[in-house]
N, C-alpha and C. Protein backbone atom coordinates (compact mmCIF):
# COMPACT_ATOMS: atom_id res chain seq x y z
N MET A 1 -116.60 -5.52 -52.69
CA MET A 1 -116.03 -4.44 -52.36
C MET A 1 -115.52 -3.52 -53.60
N PRO A 2 -115.88 -2.35 -53.58
CA PRO A 2 -115.65 -1.45 -54.76
C PRO A 2 -114.22 -1.24 -54.83
N LYS A 3 -113.94 -0.78 -56.16
CA LYS A 3 -112.54 -0.36 -56.49
C LYS A 3 -112.15 1.05 -55.75
N CYS A 4 -111.00 1.41 -55.57
CA CYS A 4 -110.62 2.80 -55.14
C CYS A 4 -111.22 3.74 -56.22
N SER A 5 -111.23 3.69 -57.25
CA SER A 5 -111.68 4.62 -58.37
C SER A 5 -113.16 4.81 -58.02
N GLU A 6 -114.23 4.07 -57.34
CA GLU A 6 -115.42 4.15 -57.13
C GLU A 6 -115.57 5.02 -55.96
N VAL A 7 -114.57 5.14 -55.05
CA VAL A 7 -114.99 5.77 -53.77
C VAL A 7 -114.09 6.99 -53.74
N MET A 8 -112.88 6.98 -54.55
CA MET A 8 -111.93 8.44 -54.42
C MET A 8 -112.59 9.50 -54.82
N THR A 9 -111.95 10.66 -54.23
CA THR A 9 -112.17 12.13 -54.83
C THR A 9 -111.11 12.28 -56.13
N ARG A 10 -111.75 12.50 -57.30
CA ARG A 10 -110.77 12.64 -58.29
C ARG A 10 -110.07 13.98 -58.25
N GLU A 11 -108.81 13.95 -58.80
CA GLU A 11 -108.23 15.13 -59.28
C GLU A 11 -108.10 16.01 -58.09
N PRO A 12 -107.33 15.45 -57.23
CA PRO A 12 -107.46 16.34 -55.75
C PRO A 12 -106.20 17.54 -56.03
N VAL A 13 -106.60 18.48 -55.19
CA VAL A 13 -105.50 19.81 -55.20
C VAL A 13 -103.96 19.04 -54.87
N CYS A 14 -102.94 19.55 -55.39
CA CYS A 14 -101.64 18.99 -55.15
C CYS A 14 -100.82 20.26 -55.05
N CYS A 15 -99.59 19.94 -54.45
CA CYS A 15 -98.58 21.09 -54.50
C CYS A 15 -97.23 20.11 -54.97
N GLU A 16 -96.12 21.14 -55.22
CA GLU A 16 -94.84 20.61 -55.64
C GLU A 16 -93.72 20.84 -54.40
N PRO A 17 -92.78 19.95 -54.33
CA PRO A 17 -91.83 19.97 -53.11
C PRO A 17 -91.08 21.46 -52.91
N GLY A 18 -90.95 22.10 -54.00
CA GLY A 18 -90.44 23.73 -53.87
C GLY A 18 -91.40 24.59 -53.44
N ASP A 19 -92.57 24.48 -53.28
CA ASP A 19 -93.71 25.30 -52.76
C ASP A 19 -93.41 25.75 -51.48
N SER A 20 -93.74 27.01 -50.93
CA SER A 20 -93.58 27.16 -49.54
C SER A 20 -94.53 26.81 -48.81
N VAL A 21 -94.44 26.57 -47.52
CA VAL A 21 -95.21 25.88 -46.73
C VAL A 21 -96.30 27.00 -46.45
N THR A 22 -96.09 28.13 -46.44
CA THR A 22 -97.02 29.37 -46.47
C THR A 22 -97.98 29.21 -47.47
N GLN A 23 -97.59 28.93 -48.76
CA GLN A 23 -98.51 28.54 -49.70
C GLN A 23 -99.27 27.31 -49.76
N VAL A 24 -98.90 26.29 -49.15
CA VAL A 24 -99.56 24.91 -49.01
C VAL A 24 -100.60 25.22 -47.86
N ALA A 25 -100.07 26.05 -46.79
CA ALA A 25 -101.16 26.23 -45.63
C ALA A 25 -102.44 26.95 -46.11
N MET A 26 -102.20 27.97 -46.98
CA MET A 26 -103.19 28.90 -47.61
C MET A 26 -104.07 27.80 -48.38
N LEU A 27 -103.55 27.00 -49.17
CA LEU A 27 -104.06 26.05 -49.89
C LEU A 27 -105.04 24.89 -49.07
N MET A 28 -104.50 24.74 -48.14
CA MET A 28 -105.26 23.75 -47.14
C MET A 28 -106.58 24.60 -46.59
N LYS A 29 -106.13 25.73 -46.33
CA LYS A 29 -107.32 26.77 -45.88
C LYS A 29 -108.62 26.79 -46.81
N THR A 30 -108.04 27.23 -48.11
CA THR A 30 -108.89 27.61 -49.30
C THR A 30 -109.74 26.33 -49.30
N GLU A 31 -109.09 25.14 -49.45
CA GLU A 31 -109.85 24.04 -49.85
C GLU A 31 -110.39 23.20 -48.83
N ASP A 32 -110.15 23.59 -47.49
CA ASP A 32 -110.62 23.04 -46.44
C ASP A 32 -110.33 21.70 -46.33
N VAL A 33 -108.88 21.53 -46.45
CA VAL A 33 -108.46 20.00 -46.44
C VAL A 33 -107.36 19.97 -45.26
N GLY A 34 -107.10 18.87 -44.82
CA GLY A 34 -105.99 18.81 -43.83
C GLY A 34 -104.62 18.05 -44.33
N SER A 35 -104.61 17.82 -45.65
CA SER A 35 -103.51 16.94 -46.15
C SER A 35 -103.59 17.21 -47.87
N ILE A 36 -102.31 17.50 -48.28
CA ILE A 36 -102.30 17.76 -49.67
C ILE A 36 -101.14 16.94 -50.25
N PRO A 37 -101.44 16.07 -51.31
CA PRO A 37 -100.29 15.35 -52.07
C PRO A 37 -99.41 16.24 -52.56
N VAL A 38 -98.02 15.72 -52.68
CA VAL A 38 -97.06 16.39 -53.26
C VAL A 38 -96.57 15.74 -54.61
N VAL A 39 -96.76 16.46 -55.77
CA VAL A 39 -96.29 15.61 -56.93
C VAL A 39 -94.78 16.36 -57.32
N ASP A 40 -94.40 15.38 -58.41
CA ASP A 40 -92.84 16.04 -58.82
C ASP A 40 -93.13 17.41 -59.56
N SER A 41 -94.41 17.39 -60.17
CA SER A 41 -94.68 18.74 -60.83
C SER A 41 -96.20 18.70 -61.21
N ARG A 42 -96.82 19.68 -61.47
CA ARG A 42 -98.35 19.91 -61.67
C ARG A 42 -98.70 19.26 -63.06
N GLN A 43 -97.63 19.23 -63.86
CA GLN A 43 -97.99 18.82 -65.23
C GLN A 43 -97.96 17.14 -65.21
N ASP A 44 -97.14 16.49 -64.40
CA ASP A 44 -96.66 15.01 -64.66
C ASP A 44 -97.60 14.40 -63.60
N ARG A 45 -97.53 15.05 -62.49
CA ARG A 45 -98.52 14.71 -61.31
C ARG A 45 -97.99 13.30 -60.67
N LYS A 46 -96.62 12.98 -60.76
CA LYS A 46 -96.19 11.79 -60.18
C LYS A 46 -96.01 12.13 -58.68
N LEU A 47 -96.53 11.17 -57.94
CA LEU A 47 -96.65 11.39 -56.50
C LEU A 47 -95.30 11.02 -56.05
N VAL A 48 -94.86 12.05 -54.89
CA VAL A 48 -93.88 11.92 -54.38
C VAL A 48 -93.78 12.23 -52.79
N GLY A 49 -94.79 12.59 -52.56
CA GLY A 49 -94.96 12.96 -50.90
C GLY A 49 -96.33 13.24 -50.60
N ILE A 50 -96.55 13.60 -49.31
CA ILE A 50 -97.76 13.94 -48.75
C ILE A 50 -97.62 15.06 -47.58
N VAL A 51 -98.18 16.01 -47.57
CA VAL A 51 -97.89 16.88 -46.37
C VAL A 51 -99.31 17.15 -45.81
N THR A 52 -99.23 17.18 -44.45
CA THR A 52 -100.48 17.51 -43.71
C THR A 52 -100.36 18.64 -42.78
N ASP A 53 -101.45 19.18 -42.38
CA ASP A 53 -101.33 20.16 -41.22
C ASP A 53 -100.56 19.84 -40.14
N ARG A 54 -100.62 18.77 -39.79
CA ARG A 54 -99.78 18.17 -38.64
C ARG A 54 -98.06 18.32 -39.01
N ASP A 55 -98.04 17.90 -40.31
CA ASP A 55 -96.50 17.94 -40.61
C ASP A 55 -96.00 19.50 -40.43
N LEU A 56 -96.97 20.38 -40.71
CA LEU A 56 -96.64 21.83 -40.83
C LEU A 56 -96.23 22.27 -39.33
N VAL A 57 -96.93 21.73 -38.52
CA VAL A 57 -96.92 22.15 -37.02
C VAL A 57 -95.70 21.35 -36.46
N VAL A 58 -95.54 20.19 -36.56
CA VAL A 58 -94.45 19.34 -35.99
C VAL A 58 -93.13 19.49 -36.61
N ASN A 59 -93.05 19.42 -37.80
CA ASN A 59 -91.75 19.66 -38.64
C ASN A 59 -91.40 21.19 -38.82
N VAL A 60 -92.25 22.17 -39.13
CA VAL A 60 -91.90 23.45 -39.36
C VAL A 60 -91.89 24.15 -38.05
N LEU A 61 -93.08 24.46 -37.50
CA LEU A 61 -93.19 25.21 -36.20
C LEU A 61 -92.42 24.75 -35.27
N ALA A 62 -92.70 23.61 -34.82
CA ALA A 62 -92.07 22.77 -33.45
C ALA A 62 -90.71 22.61 -33.74
N GLY A 63 -90.39 22.28 -35.07
CA GLY A 63 -88.94 22.07 -35.62
C GLY A 63 -88.03 23.24 -35.63
N GLY A 64 -88.68 24.47 -35.29
CA GLY A 64 -87.86 25.65 -35.42
C GLY A 64 -87.39 26.25 -36.81
N MET A 65 -87.97 25.92 -37.83
CA MET A 65 -87.77 26.43 -39.14
C MET A 65 -88.37 27.76 -39.24
N ALA A 66 -87.80 28.47 -40.03
CA ALA A 66 -88.28 29.74 -40.57
C ALA A 66 -89.64 29.61 -41.37
N VAL A 67 -90.62 29.90 -41.02
CA VAL A 67 -91.97 29.97 -41.76
C VAL A 67 -91.83 30.59 -43.16
N GLY A 68 -91.06 31.61 -43.29
CA GLY A 68 -91.26 32.23 -44.46
C GLY A 68 -90.26 31.76 -45.60
N THR A 69 -89.27 30.75 -45.15
CA THR A 69 -88.44 30.28 -46.05
C THR A 69 -88.60 28.72 -46.16
N ALA A 70 -89.45 28.05 -45.46
CA ALA A 70 -89.35 26.56 -45.41
C ALA A 70 -90.36 26.11 -46.59
N THR A 71 -89.87 25.09 -47.05
CA THR A 71 -90.58 24.62 -48.40
C THR A 71 -91.32 23.11 -47.99
N VAL A 72 -92.07 22.89 -48.78
CA VAL A 72 -92.88 21.87 -48.57
C VAL A 72 -91.89 20.49 -48.50
N ARG A 73 -90.89 20.34 -49.27
CA ARG A 73 -89.97 19.43 -49.23
C ARG A 73 -89.46 19.09 -47.71
N GLU A 74 -89.26 20.28 -47.05
CA GLU A 74 -88.66 20.25 -45.68
C GLU A 74 -89.83 19.68 -44.83
N ALA A 75 -91.27 19.89 -45.03
CA ALA A 75 -92.21 19.53 -44.18
C ALA A 75 -92.86 18.15 -44.32
N MET A 76 -92.86 17.58 -45.81
CA MET A 76 -93.63 16.46 -46.20
C MET A 76 -93.12 15.27 -45.68
N THR A 77 -93.82 14.20 -45.96
CA THR A 77 -93.47 12.68 -45.79
C THR A 77 -93.22 12.23 -47.20
N ALA A 78 -91.94 11.83 -47.49
CA ALA A 78 -91.60 11.43 -48.80
C ALA A 78 -92.22 9.95 -49.20
N ASN A 79 -92.43 9.82 -50.30
CA ASN A 79 -92.83 8.41 -50.90
C ASN A 79 -94.02 7.56 -49.86
N PRO A 80 -94.99 8.37 -49.58
CA PRO A 80 -96.22 8.05 -48.99
C PRO A 80 -96.71 6.61 -49.68
N GLU A 81 -97.44 5.71 -48.52
CA GLU A 81 -98.21 4.81 -49.10
C GLU A 81 -99.15 5.39 -50.14
N SER A 82 -99.71 4.46 -50.99
CA SER A 82 -100.60 4.89 -51.90
C SER A 82 -101.16 3.43 -52.53
N CYS A 83 -102.49 3.70 -52.97
CA CYS A 83 -102.91 2.54 -53.66
C CYS A 83 -103.39 2.84 -55.20
N ARG A 84 -103.45 2.03 -56.02
CA ARG A 84 -103.69 2.08 -57.55
C ARG A 84 -105.26 2.35 -57.55
N GLU A 85 -105.66 3.05 -58.39
CA GLU A 85 -107.15 3.23 -58.59
C GLU A 85 -108.12 1.96 -59.01
N ASP A 86 -107.28 1.01 -59.53
CA ASP A 86 -107.83 -0.27 -60.09
C ASP A 86 -107.84 -1.22 -58.56
N GLU A 87 -107.42 -1.02 -57.59
CA GLU A 87 -107.29 -1.80 -56.41
C GLU A 87 -108.53 -1.83 -55.57
N ASP A 88 -109.00 -2.81 -55.00
CA ASP A 88 -109.90 -2.85 -54.12
C ASP A 88 -109.86 -1.74 -53.06
N VAL A 89 -110.91 -1.25 -52.59
CA VAL A 89 -110.87 -0.06 -51.58
C VAL A 89 -110.52 -0.84 -50.34
N LYS A 90 -110.78 -2.21 -49.96
CA LYS A 90 -110.27 -2.51 -48.85
C LYS A 90 -108.95 -2.64 -48.47
N LYS A 91 -107.88 -2.63 -49.69
CA LYS A 91 -106.64 -2.44 -49.59
C LYS A 91 -106.28 -1.18 -48.80
N ALA A 92 -106.77 0.10 -49.47
CA ALA A 92 -106.81 1.36 -48.98
C ALA A 92 -107.21 1.52 -47.51
N VAL A 93 -108.26 0.87 -47.07
CA VAL A 93 -108.71 0.90 -45.94
C VAL A 93 -107.69 0.11 -44.80
N ASP A 94 -107.34 -0.92 -45.18
CA ASP A 94 -106.17 -1.72 -44.44
C ASP A 94 -105.05 -0.94 -44.21
N LEU A 95 -104.49 -0.19 -45.29
CA LEU A 95 -103.12 0.55 -45.21
C LEU A 95 -103.61 1.80 -44.32
N MET A 96 -104.91 2.62 -44.39
CA MET A 96 -104.99 3.61 -43.53
C MET A 96 -105.09 3.29 -42.11
N ALA A 97 -105.60 2.11 -41.79
CA ALA A 97 -105.75 1.65 -40.63
C ALA A 97 -104.28 1.21 -39.86
N ASP A 98 -103.69 0.62 -40.90
CA ASP A 98 -102.38 0.29 -40.48
C ASP A 98 -101.34 1.27 -40.10
N ARG A 99 -101.33 2.23 -41.22
CA ARG A 99 -100.45 3.51 -41.04
C ARG A 99 -101.19 4.58 -39.99
N GLN A 100 -102.33 4.63 -39.84
CA GLN A 100 -102.88 5.43 -38.74
C GLN A 100 -103.11 6.84 -39.58
N VAL A 101 -103.47 6.76 -40.73
CA VAL A 101 -103.81 8.01 -41.54
C VAL A 101 -105.31 8.03 -41.93
N ARG A 102 -105.63 9.29 -42.08
CA ARG A 102 -107.09 9.51 -42.63
C ARG A 102 -107.12 9.87 -43.91
N ARG A 103 -106.04 9.80 -44.72
CA ARG A 103 -106.45 9.95 -46.34
C ARG A 103 -105.10 8.95 -46.97
N MET A 104 -105.55 8.36 -48.03
CA MET A 104 -104.73 7.54 -48.72
C MET A 104 -104.66 8.28 -50.16
N PRO A 105 -103.45 8.53 -51.02
CA PRO A 105 -103.46 9.02 -52.23
C PRO A 105 -103.75 7.93 -53.12
N ILE A 106 -104.35 8.13 -54.23
CA ILE A 106 -104.64 7.06 -55.27
C ILE A 106 -103.87 7.51 -56.63
N VAL A 107 -103.10 6.52 -57.15
CA VAL A 107 -102.33 6.84 -58.33
C VAL A 107 -102.89 5.82 -59.51
N ASP A 108 -102.45 6.00 -60.66
CA ASP A 108 -102.72 5.46 -61.88
C ASP A 108 -101.61 4.34 -61.83
N GLU A 109 -101.62 3.51 -63.10
CA GLU A 109 -100.57 2.45 -63.28
C GLU A 109 -99.20 3.23 -63.45
N ALA A 110 -98.96 4.43 -63.80
CA ALA A 110 -97.70 5.09 -64.11
C ALA A 110 -97.28 5.91 -62.58
N GLY A 111 -98.16 5.94 -61.62
CA GLY A 111 -97.87 6.50 -60.33
C GLY A 111 -98.21 8.00 -60.26
N ARG A 112 -98.95 8.40 -61.17
CA ARG A 112 -99.56 9.67 -61.11
C ARG A 112 -100.81 9.89 -60.27
N LEU A 113 -100.73 10.87 -59.47
CA LEU A 113 -101.96 11.22 -58.85
C LEU A 113 -103.16 11.27 -59.41
N CYS A 114 -104.10 10.56 -59.21
CA CYS A 114 -105.42 10.58 -59.85
C CYS A 114 -106.56 10.93 -58.73
N GLY A 115 -106.32 10.65 -57.57
CA GLY A 115 -107.26 10.88 -56.62
C GLY A 115 -106.96 10.70 -55.09
N ILE A 116 -107.98 10.71 -54.37
CA ILE A 116 -107.36 10.55 -52.87
C ILE A 116 -108.56 10.05 -52.26
N ILE A 117 -108.61 8.96 -51.14
CA ILE A 117 -109.47 8.73 -50.57
C ILE A 117 -109.45 9.00 -48.97
N ALA A 118 -110.40 9.75 -48.49
CA ALA A 118 -110.36 10.17 -47.09
C ALA A 118 -111.09 8.87 -46.29
N GLN A 119 -111.08 9.18 -44.87
CA GLN A 119 -111.90 8.47 -44.02
C GLN A 119 -113.42 8.95 -44.22
N ALA A 120 -113.61 10.07 -44.47
CA ALA A 120 -114.88 10.42 -44.66
C ALA A 120 -115.49 9.79 -45.95
N ASP A 121 -114.77 9.47 -47.00
CA ASP A 121 -115.15 8.90 -48.21
C ASP A 121 -115.55 7.41 -47.99
N VAL A 122 -114.82 6.79 -47.27
CA VAL A 122 -115.15 5.27 -46.84
C VAL A 122 -116.59 5.34 -45.91
N ALA A 123 -116.61 6.38 -45.25
CA ALA A 123 -117.80 6.46 -44.24
C ALA A 123 -119.25 6.68 -45.07
N THR A 124 -119.00 7.40 -45.99
CA THR A 124 -120.38 7.81 -46.75
C THR A 124 -120.48 6.98 -48.13
N ARG A 125 -119.30 6.33 -48.63
CA ARG A 125 -119.31 5.61 -50.06
C ARG A 125 -119.29 4.12 -49.91
N VAL A 126 -118.91 3.72 -48.86
CA VAL A 126 -118.75 2.20 -48.63
C VAL A 126 -119.85 1.94 -47.51
N LYS A 127 -120.88 0.94 -48.17
CA LYS A 127 -121.91 0.74 -47.26
C LYS A 127 -121.59 -0.56 -46.39
N ARG A 128 -120.60 -0.31 -45.60
CA ARG A 128 -120.39 -1.37 -44.62
C ARG A 128 -119.86 -0.84 -43.26
N ASP A 129 -120.70 -0.71 -42.33
CA ASP A 129 -120.66 -0.07 -41.14
C ASP A 129 -119.42 -0.66 -40.28
N ALA A 130 -119.20 -1.90 -40.56
CA ALA A 130 -118.02 -2.43 -39.70
C ALA A 130 -116.80 -2.03 -40.36
N THR A 131 -116.82 -2.01 -41.46
CA THR A 131 -115.36 -1.51 -42.34
C THR A 131 -115.15 -0.07 -41.69
N THR A 132 -116.36 1.03 -41.75
CA THR A 132 -115.97 2.13 -41.42
C THR A 132 -115.63 2.32 -39.66
N GLY A 133 -116.30 1.48 -39.07
CA GLY A 133 -115.95 1.55 -37.51
C GLY A 133 -114.54 0.88 -37.22
N GLU A 134 -114.22 -0.08 -38.14
CA GLU A 134 -112.87 -0.77 -37.66
C GLU A 134 -111.84 0.27 -38.16
N LEU A 135 -112.19 1.10 -39.22
CA LEU A 135 -110.92 2.06 -39.59
C LEU A 135 -110.89 3.26 -38.74
N VAL A 136 -112.08 3.64 -38.21
CA VAL A 136 -111.90 4.77 -37.40
C VAL A 136 -111.28 4.44 -36.13
N GLU A 137 -111.63 3.34 -35.55
CA GLU A 137 -111.06 2.71 -34.48
C GLU A 137 -109.40 2.73 -34.66
N ALA A 138 -109.00 2.07 -35.65
CA ALA A 138 -107.47 1.67 -35.97
C ALA A 138 -106.82 3.05 -36.00
N ILE A 139 -107.57 4.02 -36.73
CA ILE A 139 -106.77 5.42 -36.95
C ILE A 139 -106.72 6.04 -35.63
N SER A 140 -107.77 6.01 -34.94
CA SER A 140 -107.76 6.86 -33.60
C SER A 140 -106.83 6.10 -32.35
N GLU A 141 -106.20 4.85 -32.67
CA GLU A 141 -105.31 4.39 -31.57
C GLU A 141 -104.40 5.27 -31.17
N PRO A 142 -103.83 5.54 -30.04
CA PRO A 142 -102.94 6.52 -29.61
C PRO A 142 -101.44 5.61 -29.80
N GLY A 143 -100.39 6.38 -29.88
CA GLY A 143 -99.31 6.00 -29.31
C GLY A 143 -98.16 5.69 -30.55
N PHE A 144 -98.73 5.73 -32.00
CA PHE A 144 -97.78 5.37 -33.06
C PHE A 144 -97.45 6.75 -33.73
N ALA A 145 -96.13 6.99 -34.04
CA ALA A 145 -95.71 7.96 -35.09
C ALA A 145 -96.26 7.37 -36.44
N ARG A 146 -96.19 8.34 -37.30
CA ARG A 146 -96.61 8.02 -38.75
C ARG A 146 -95.17 7.01 -39.15
N LYS A 147 -95.67 5.90 -39.85
CA LYS A 147 -94.78 5.26 -40.50
C LYS A 147 -94.16 5.60 -41.72
């Protein structure tokens, strides 16, 4: 099984907790992604959260927050699961399936964001049809809120 560093997309776009949700939504649109890792600062890149398009809808819009003043901090999931770049991709796949998430942030030994593994990365870069099928099936099971 390959290491996370062999499968991940390197240097993913990120945001900070104080950024506006409007700004992060525009970033999602521009980058054509549904999830953005949240770092303490763009310089240090220590992973502190993740914000998804679903977070914006559920926590901000459906939560009744004022879109114009809401921040990423109010919408994000703090302290998300992550894997280290030197770990087997199987750990990332297992965590993605267990947590029913389509993306896993990858960090270095100091906890700094260095990559992200998406469900599509597993499908296209890991040559194991059973692994991909199991991941898609586990992520797609209904009924669980994100842990």
